[in-house]
């Protein structure tokens, strides 16, 4: 009985020391965090314009593909092209508008 009580006491002390060590160990590692965030901010801002143009180009290609598919369905006499038009137009509008919205939201 006394042996198990002694083990619990040693385990409790070791656990307390380990938790205290983990609580204070990350403090020195946070010194350069502001510089790293500022660097990431400038890096993302420098990449944003090319990414926005790529997304808009993908939207244009999706629009062309959707237009061709809708035209083929229409010329083949398919009566239910309204759903197809809404789907492709929504995808194109999403790809064209979202980069503008994100840029305005984050001030880029």
N, C-alpha and C. Protein backbone atom coordinates (compact mmCIF):
# COMPACT_ATOMS: atom_id res chain seq x y z
N UNK A 1 0.82 -1.19 0.00
CA UNK A 1 0.00 0.00 0.00
C UNK A 1 0.86 1.25 0.00
N UNK A 2 1.89 1.25 0.81
CA UNK A 2 2.75 2.41 0.90
C UNK A 2 3.56 2.58 -0.38
N UNK A 3 3.92 1.48 -1.04
CA UNK A 3 4.70 1.53 -2.27
C UNK A 3 3.89 2.16 -3.40
N UNK A 4 2.60 1.82 -3.53
CA UNK A 4 1.77 2.40 -4.57
C UNK A 4 1.49 3.88 -4.31
N UNK A 5 1.36 4.25 -3.03
CA UNK A 5 1.17 5.66 -2.69
C UNK A 5 2.41 6.47 -3.05
N UNK A 6 3.58 5.91 -2.85
CA UNK A 6 4.83 6.57 -3.18
C UNK A 6 4.96 6.75 -4.70
N UNK A 7 4.55 5.76 -5.46
CA UNK A 7 4.60 5.85 -6.93
C UNK A 7 3.66 6.94 -7.43
N UNK A 8 2.47 7.02 -6.84
CA UNK A 8 1.52 8.05 -7.24
C UNK A 8 2.07 9.44 -6.95
N UNK A 9 2.72 9.58 -5.81
CA UNK A 9 3.29 10.86 -5.42
C UNK A 9 4.40 11.27 -6.39
N UNK A 10 5.26 10.33 -6.75
CA UNK A 10 6.35 10.62 -7.69
C UNK A 10 5.77 10.92 -9.07
N UNK A 11 4.78 10.15 -9.50
CA UNK A 11 4.15 10.38 -10.80
C UNK A 11 3.48 11.75 -10.84
N UNK A 12 2.82 12.13 -9.76
CA UNK A 12 2.16 13.44 -9.69
C UNK A 12 3.16 14.58 -9.78
N UNK A 13 4.29 14.44 -9.08
CA UNK A 13 5.31 15.48 -9.14
C UNK A 13 5.94 15.56 -10.53
N UNK A 14 6.19 14.42 -11.13
CA UNK A 14 6.78 14.41 -12.47
C UNK A 14 5.81 15.03 -13.49
N UNK A 15 4.54 14.72 -13.34
CA UNK A 15 3.54 15.29 -14.23
C UNK A 15 3.44 16.80 -14.04
N UNK A 16 3.51 17.27 -12.81
CA UNK A 16 3.47 18.71 -12.54
C UNK A 16 4.66 19.41 -13.16
N UNK A 17 5.85 18.84 -13.01
CA UNK A 17 7.05 19.43 -13.60
C UNK A 17 6.95 19.45 -15.12
N UNK A 18 6.46 18.38 -15.71
CA UNK A 18 6.32 18.31 -17.16
C UNK A 18 5.33 19.35 -17.67
N UNK A 19 4.21 19.52 -16.98
CA UNK A 19 3.22 20.52 -17.40
C UNK A 19 3.76 21.93 -17.26
N UNK A 20 4.49 22.20 -16.19
CA UNK A 20 5.10 23.53 -16.02
C UNK A 20 6.14 23.79 -17.12
N UNK A 21 6.91 22.77 -17.45
CA UNK A 21 7.90 22.93 -18.51
C UNK A 21 7.23 23.21 -19.85
N UNK A 22 6.15 22.49 -20.14
CA UNK A 22 5.44 22.72 -21.40
C UNK A 22 4.74 24.08 -21.42
N UNK A 23 4.34 24.58 -20.28
CA UNK A 23 3.66 25.87 -20.24
C UNK A 23 4.62 27.02 -20.52
N UNK A 24 5.87 26.91 -20.07
CA UNK A 24 6.81 28.01 -20.24
C UNK A 24 7.77 27.82 -21.39
N UNK A 25 7.86 26.65 -21.98
CA UNK A 25 8.79 26.40 -23.08
C UNK A 25 8.41 27.15 -24.36
N UNK A 26 7.14 27.27 -24.74
CA UNK A 26 6.83 27.96 -26.00
C UNK A 26 7.05 29.47 -25.96
N UNK A 27 7.19 30.07 -24.78
CA UNK A 27 7.31 31.53 -24.69
C UNK A 27 8.49 32.08 -25.50
N UNK A 28 9.70 31.53 -25.46
CA UNK A 28 10.78 32.08 -26.28
C UNK A 28 10.56 31.85 -27.78
N UNK A 29 9.81 30.84 -28.14
CA UNK A 29 9.60 30.53 -29.56
C UNK A 29 8.67 31.53 -30.23
N UNK A 30 7.95 32.34 -29.47
CA UNK A 30 7.00 33.27 -30.04
C UNK A 30 7.58 34.64 -30.33
N UNK A 31 8.87 34.81 -30.16
CA UNK A 31 9.47 36.14 -30.33
C UNK A 31 9.40 36.62 -31.78
N UNK A 32 9.60 35.77 -32.77
CA UNK A 32 9.61 36.20 -34.16
C UNK A 32 8.30 36.03 -34.88
N UNK A 33 7.22 35.83 -34.16
CA UNK A 33 5.93 35.57 -34.78
C UNK A 33 5.39 36.74 -35.58
N UNK A 34 5.56 37.95 -35.09
CA UNK A 34 5.03 39.13 -35.79
C UNK A 34 5.76 39.34 -37.11
N UNK A 35 7.05 39.12 -37.12
CA UNK A 35 7.81 39.26 -38.37
C UNK A 35 7.43 38.21 -39.39
N UNK A 36 7.19 36.99 -38.91
CA UNK A 36 6.78 35.92 -39.81
C UNK A 36 5.40 36.20 -40.41
N UNK A 37 4.49 36.71 -39.60
CA UNK A 37 3.16 37.04 -40.11
C UNK A 37 3.21 38.19 -41.11
N UNK A 38 4.05 39.17 -40.85
CA UNK A 38 4.19 40.28 -41.79
C UNK A 38 4.78 39.80 -43.11
N UNK A 39 5.76 38.91 -43.03
CA UNK A 39 6.34 38.34 -44.25
C UNK A 39 5.32 37.52 -45.04
N UNK A 40 4.52 36.74 -44.33
CA UNK A 40 3.48 35.96 -45.01
C UNK A 40 2.45 36.88 -45.65
N UNK A 41 2.12 37.97 -44.98
CA UNK A 41 1.16 38.93 -45.51
C UNK A 41 1.66 39.54 -46.82
N UNK A 42 2.89 39.98 -46.85
CA UNK A 42 3.42 40.57 -48.09
C UNK A 42 3.56 39.54 -49.19
N UNK A 43 3.90 38.31 -48.81
CA UNK A 43 4.02 37.24 -49.81
C UNK A 43 2.66 36.93 -50.44
N UNK A 44 1.63 36.83 -49.63
CA UNK A 44 0.29 36.54 -50.15
C UNK A 44 -0.21 37.69 -51.00
N UNK A 45 0.04 38.92 -50.57
CA UNK A 45 -0.39 40.07 -51.36
C UNK A 45 0.33 40.14 -52.70
N UNK A 46 1.57 39.71 -52.77
CA UNK A 46 2.27 39.73 -54.05
C UNK A 46 1.76 38.65 -55.00
N UNK A 47 1.25 37.55 -54.46
CA UNK A 47 0.72 36.47 -55.30
C UNK A 47 -0.73 36.67 -55.69
N UNK A 48 -1.44 37.59 -55.05
CA UNK A 48 -2.89 37.66 -55.23
C UNK A 48 -3.30 38.06 -56.64
N UNK A 49 -2.65 39.04 -57.24
CA UNK A 49 -3.05 39.49 -58.59
C UNK A 49 -2.91 38.37 -59.62
N UNK A 50 -1.78 37.64 -59.68
CA UNK A 50 -1.71 36.53 -60.64
C UNK A 50 -2.73 35.43 -60.36
N UNK A 51 -2.98 35.14 -59.08
CA UNK A 51 -3.97 34.12 -58.74
C UNK A 51 -5.36 34.57 -59.19
N UNK A 52 -5.66 35.85 -58.99
CA UNK A 52 -6.97 36.37 -59.41
C UNK A 52 -7.13 36.26 -60.91
N UNK A 53 -6.09 36.56 -61.67
CA UNK A 53 -6.19 36.43 -63.12
C UNK A 53 -6.35 34.98 -63.56
N UNK A 54 -5.68 34.06 -62.88
CA UNK A 54 -5.82 32.64 -63.22
C UNK A 54 -7.24 32.17 -62.94
N UNK A 55 -7.80 32.57 -61.81
CA UNK A 55 -9.17 32.17 -61.48
C UNK A 55 -10.16 32.72 -62.50
N UNK A 56 -9.96 33.97 -62.92
CA UNK A 56 -10.84 34.55 -63.93
C UNK A 56 -10.67 33.87 -65.28
N UNK A 57 -9.46 33.47 -65.62
CA UNK A 57 -9.25 32.73 -66.86
C UNK A 57 -9.94 31.37 -66.81
N UNK A 58 -9.87 30.71 -65.67
CA UNK A 58 -10.57 29.44 -65.52
C UNK A 58 -12.07 29.65 -65.66
N UNK A 59 -12.58 30.75 -65.11
CA UNK A 59 -14.00 31.07 -65.27
C UNK A 59 -14.38 31.28 -66.72
N UNK A 60 -13.49 31.93 -67.48
CA UNK A 60 -13.77 32.14 -68.90
C UNK A 60 -13.78 30.82 -69.66
N UNK A 61 -12.84 29.93 -69.36
CA UNK A 61 -12.81 28.62 -70.03
C UNK A 61 -14.03 27.80 -69.66
N UNK A 62 -14.42 27.83 -68.40
CA UNK A 62 -15.63 27.11 -67.98
C UNK A 62 -16.85 27.68 -68.69
N UNK A 63 -16.89 29.00 -68.86
CA UNK A 63 -18.01 29.62 -69.58
C UNK A 63 -18.07 29.18 -71.03
N UNK A 64 -16.91 29.11 -71.68
CA UNK A 64 -16.89 28.65 -73.08
C UNK A 64 -17.33 27.20 -73.20
N UNK A 65 -16.83 26.36 -72.32
CA UNK A 65 -17.23 24.95 -72.36
C UNK A 65 -18.72 24.81 -72.10
N UNK A 66 -19.22 25.56 -71.11
CA UNK A 66 -20.66 25.51 -70.82
C UNK A 66 -21.49 26.01 -71.97
N UNK A 67 -21.02 27.08 -72.63
CA UNK A 67 -21.76 27.59 -73.79
C UNK A 67 -21.84 26.58 -74.91
N UNK A 68 -20.74 25.89 -75.16
CA UNK A 68 -20.74 24.86 -76.22
C UNK A 68 -21.66 23.70 -75.85
N UNK A 69 -21.60 23.27 -74.60
CA UNK A 69 -22.48 22.16 -74.18
C UNK A 69 -23.95 22.55 -74.28
N UNK A 70 -24.27 23.77 -73.86
CA UNK A 70 -25.67 24.22 -73.92
C UNK A 70 -26.11 24.35 -75.37
N UNK A 71 -25.24 24.88 -76.24
CA UNK A 71 -25.59 25.00 -77.65
C UNK A 71 -25.84 23.62 -78.27
N UNK A 72 -24.99 22.65 -77.94
CA UNK A 72 -25.20 21.30 -78.47
C UNK A 72 -26.52 20.70 -77.99
N UNK A 73 -26.84 20.88 -76.74
CA UNK A 73 -28.12 20.36 -76.24
C UNK A 73 -29.30 21.07 -76.90
N UNK A 74 -29.16 22.36 -77.12
CA UNK A 74 -30.24 23.12 -77.73
C UNK A 74 -30.45 22.72 -79.18
N UNK A 75 -29.36 22.54 -79.93
CA UNK A 75 -29.50 22.14 -81.33
C UNK A 75 -29.98 20.71 -81.47
N UNK A 76 -29.73 19.87 -80.47
CA UNK A 76 -30.21 18.49 -80.52
C UNK A 76 -31.67 18.37 -80.10
N UNK A 77 -32.27 19.48 -79.68
CA UNK A 77 -33.69 19.47 -79.36
C UNK A 77 -34.01 19.12 -77.92
N UNK A 78 -33.03 19.18 -77.04
CA UNK A 78 -33.28 18.90 -75.63
C UNK A 78 -34.15 20.02 -75.05
N UNK A 79 -35.23 19.63 -74.40
CA UNK A 79 -36.17 20.63 -73.90
C UNK A 79 -35.80 21.16 -72.51
N UNK A 80 -34.93 20.46 -71.81
CA UNK A 80 -34.61 20.84 -70.43
C UNK A 80 -33.20 21.42 -70.35
N UNK A 81 -33.00 22.58 -70.99
CA UNK A 81 -31.68 23.21 -70.94
C UNK A 81 -31.63 24.34 -69.91
N UNK A 82 -32.76 24.68 -69.34
CA UNK A 82 -32.77 25.77 -68.35
C UNK A 82 -31.91 25.44 -67.14
N UNK A 83 -31.99 24.20 -66.67
CA UNK A 83 -31.19 23.78 -65.52
C UNK A 83 -29.69 23.82 -65.87
N UNK A 84 -29.39 23.43 -67.07
CA UNK A 84 -28.00 23.45 -67.55
C UNK A 84 -27.48 24.89 -67.63
N UNK A 85 -28.30 25.78 -68.14
CA UNK A 85 -27.90 27.19 -68.25
C UNK A 85 -27.65 27.78 -66.87
N UNK A 86 -28.54 27.53 -65.94
CA UNK A 86 -28.38 28.07 -64.59
C UNK A 86 -27.12 27.52 -63.93
N UNK A 87 -26.86 26.24 -64.10
CA UNK A 87 -25.68 25.62 -63.49
C UNK A 87 -24.38 26.19 -64.02
N UNK A 88 -24.26 26.25 -65.35
CA UNK A 88 -23.01 26.76 -65.94
C UNK A 88 -22.85 28.26 -65.69
N UNK A 89 -23.92 29.02 -65.79
CA UNK A 89 -23.83 30.45 -65.55
C UNK A 89 -23.49 30.75 -64.09
N UNK A 90 -24.04 29.98 -63.18
CA UNK A 90 -23.71 30.15 -61.77
C UNK A 90 -22.25 29.85 -61.49
N UNK A 91 -21.72 28.80 -62.12
CA UNK A 91 -20.31 28.47 -61.92
C UNK A 91 -19.42 29.57 -62.47
N UNK A 92 -19.75 30.09 -63.63
CA UNK A 92 -18.94 31.16 -64.23
C UNK A 92 -19.00 32.43 -63.39
N UNK A 93 -20.19 32.80 -62.95
CA UNK A 93 -20.31 33.99 -62.12
C UNK A 93 -19.55 33.83 -60.81
N UNK A 94 -19.61 32.65 -60.24
CA UNK A 94 -18.87 32.39 -59.00
C UNK A 94 -17.38 32.57 -59.22
N UNK A 95 -16.84 32.01 -60.31
CA UNK A 95 -15.40 32.11 -60.56
C UNK A 95 -14.98 33.53 -60.93
N UNK A 96 -15.85 34.33 -61.45
CA UNK A 96 -15.49 35.69 -61.82
C UNK A 96 -15.66 36.66 -60.64
N UNK A 97 -16.69 36.46 -59.84
CA UNK A 97 -17.00 37.40 -58.76
C UNK A 97 -16.21 37.14 -57.48
N UNK A 98 -15.94 35.89 -57.16
CA UNK A 98 -15.27 35.57 -55.90
C UNK A 98 -13.90 36.23 -55.76
N UNK A 99 -13.03 36.23 -56.77
CA UNK A 99 -11.74 36.93 -56.57
C UNK A 99 -11.91 38.42 -56.29
N UNK A 100 -12.88 39.05 -56.91
CA UNK A 100 -13.13 40.46 -56.64
C UNK A 100 -13.61 40.65 -55.19
N UNK A 101 -14.51 39.79 -54.76
CA UNK A 101 -15.05 39.89 -53.41
C UNK A 101 -13.96 39.65 -52.35
N UNK A 102 -13.16 38.61 -52.56
CA UNK A 102 -12.09 38.31 -51.60
C UNK A 102 -11.08 39.44 -51.55
N UNK A 103 -10.71 39.97 -52.71
CA UNK A 103 -9.78 41.08 -52.75
C UNK A 103 -10.31 42.30 -52.03
N UNK A 104 -11.58 42.60 -52.22
CA UNK A 104 -12.18 43.75 -51.53
C UNK A 104 -12.32 43.50 -50.04
N UNK A 105 -12.62 42.27 -49.67
CA UNK A 105 -12.81 41.94 -48.25
C UNK A 105 -11.51 42.07 -47.47
N UNK A 106 -10.40 41.61 -48.06
CA UNK A 106 -9.11 41.66 -47.38
C UNK A 106 -8.29 42.89 -47.74
N UNK A 107 -8.84 43.80 -48.53
CA UNK A 107 -8.15 45.03 -48.86
C UNK A 107 -6.97 44.85 -49.77
N UNK A 108 -7.09 43.93 -50.72
CA UNK A 108 -5.99 43.68 -51.65
C UNK A 108 -6.29 44.28 -52.99
